[in-house]
C-alpha cells in the first residue's frame, strides 16, 4: 500500500499540491520570516510554489501577512524574492 502524500495549499495559486513540491516560508517565534529549504525549521509555516509568479500573487494579496498574522516589512519580501531567484537559478 502506497504511503499518503501530505498536501498543502500554495498561498499564490491556491492549489493543493504535495508538500515536497512546495517551498515553506517560516516565521520562527524569535526570528525573522524566511524560506525554510529543508522544511524542518521551528515556527509557523506557510507554503508556496517555487515560482516567482506565485510569490508575486502571495505578496499582492497579502497572503503571507494573513497566514502569519503580522505586518511584513518590504525588506522581508525582497529577501524572499532573492532567495526564490537563487533557487530558480536567476
Protein backbone atom coordinates (compact mmCIF):
# COMPACT_ATOMS: atom_id res chain seq x y z
CA UNK A 1 0.00 0.00 0.00
CA UNK A 2 1.36 3.38 -1.02
CA UNK A 3 2.08 5.94 1.68
CA UNK A 4 -0.16 9.02 1.57
CA UNK A 5 1.45 12.26 0.41
CA UNK A 6 0.65 15.22 2.68
CA UNK A 7 -0.93 18.06 0.70
CA UNK A 8 -0.54 21.77 1.34
CA UNK A 9 -2.14 24.80 -0.31
CA UNK A 10 0.03 27.31 -2.15
CA UNK A 11 -0.55 30.88 -0.96
CA UNK A 12 -0.12 32.20 -4.51
CA UNK A 13 -2.17 29.99 -6.82
CA UNK A 14 -4.29 28.43 -4.01
CA UNK A 15 -3.81 24.92 -5.47
CA UNK A 16 -3.37 21.86 -3.27
CA UNK A 17 -0.05 20.18 -4.06
CA UNK A 18 2.19 17.59 -2.42
CA UNK A 19 4.17 19.16 0.42
CA UNK A 20 7.51 18.17 -1.16
CA UNK A 21 6.78 20.21 -4.31
CA UNK A 22 6.28 23.43 -2.34
CA UNK A 23 8.63 25.80 -0.55
CA UNK A 24 7.98 26.54 3.11
CA UNK A 25 8.07 30.09 4.40
CA UNK A 26 8.52 30.07 8.17
CA UNK A 27 8.08 32.57 10.97
CA UNK A 28 10.04 31.35 14.00
CA UNK A 29 8.88 32.59 17.43
CA UNK A 30 12.06 34.62 17.93
CA UNK A 31 13.17 35.36 14.38
CA UNK A 32 12.56 36.87 11.01
CA UNK A 33 10.41 35.35 8.27
CA UNK A 34 12.49 33.35 5.76
CA UNK A 35 12.40 30.40 3.36
CA UNK A 36 12.81 27.05 5.09
CA UNK A 37 14.58 24.99 2.44
CA UNK A 38 14.63 21.77 4.48
CA UNK A 39 11.08 22.08 5.81
CA UNK A 40 12.16 21.35 9.37
CA UNK A 41 12.57 24.78 11.00
CA UNK A 42 10.58 25.55 14.12
CA UNK A 43 7.75 28.04 13.82
CA UNK A 44 4.62 28.76 11.86
CA UNK A 45 4.87 27.65 8.26
CA UNK A 46 3.13 28.65 5.05
CA UNK A 47 3.67 27.06 1.66
CA UNK A 48 4.25 28.48 -1.79
CA UNK A 49 5.08 27.06 -5.22
CA UNK A 50 8.70 27.51 -6.28
CA UNK A 51 7.76 30.10 -8.91
CA UNK A 52 8.10 33.87 -8.89
CA UNK A 53 4.51 34.22 -10.16
CA UNK A 54 3.10 32.54 -7.07
CA UNK A 55 5.30 34.65 -4.81
CA UNK A 56 4.14 37.83 -6.58
CA UNK A 57 0.49 36.77 -6.17
CA UNK A 58 1.01 35.98 -2.49
CA UNK A 59 2.63 39.39 -1.94
CA UNK A 60 -0.08 41.24 -3.85
CA UNK A 61 -2.92 39.54 -1.97
CA UNK A 62 -1.10 39.90 1.38
CA UNK A 63 -1.47 36.14 1.88
CA UNK A 64 1.72 35.90 3.95
CA UNK A 65 0.53 38.65 6.27
CA UNK A 66 -2.76 36.82 6.82
CA UNK A 67 -1.01 33.48 7.33
CA UNK A 68 1.36 34.84 9.97
CA UNK A 69 -0.91 37.49 11.47
CA UNK A 70 1.75 40.21 11.35
CA UNK A 71 2.69 43.15 9.15
CA UNK A 72 5.56 42.06 6.93
CA UNK A 73 8.24 44.66 6.08
CA UNK A 74 9.17 45.20 2.42
CA UNK A 75 12.73 44.02 3.18
CA UNK A 76 11.39 40.55 4.02
CA UNK A 77 9.59 40.35 0.66
CA UNK A 78 12.79 41.43 -1.11
CA UNK A 79 14.77 38.75 0.74
CA UNK A 80 12.18 36.07 -0.15
CA UNK A 81 12.31 37.14 -3.79
CA UNK A 82 16.13 36.97 -3.77
CA UNK A 83 16.07 33.53 -2.13
CA UNK A 84 13.49 32.31 -4.68
CA UNK A 85 15.61 33.61 -7.58
CA UNK A 86 18.70 31.90 -6.15
CA UNK A 87 16.82 28.59 -6.06
CA UNK A 88 15.32 29.22 -9.51
CA UNK A 89 18.73 29.93 -10.98
CA UNK A 90 18.24 33.64 -11.56
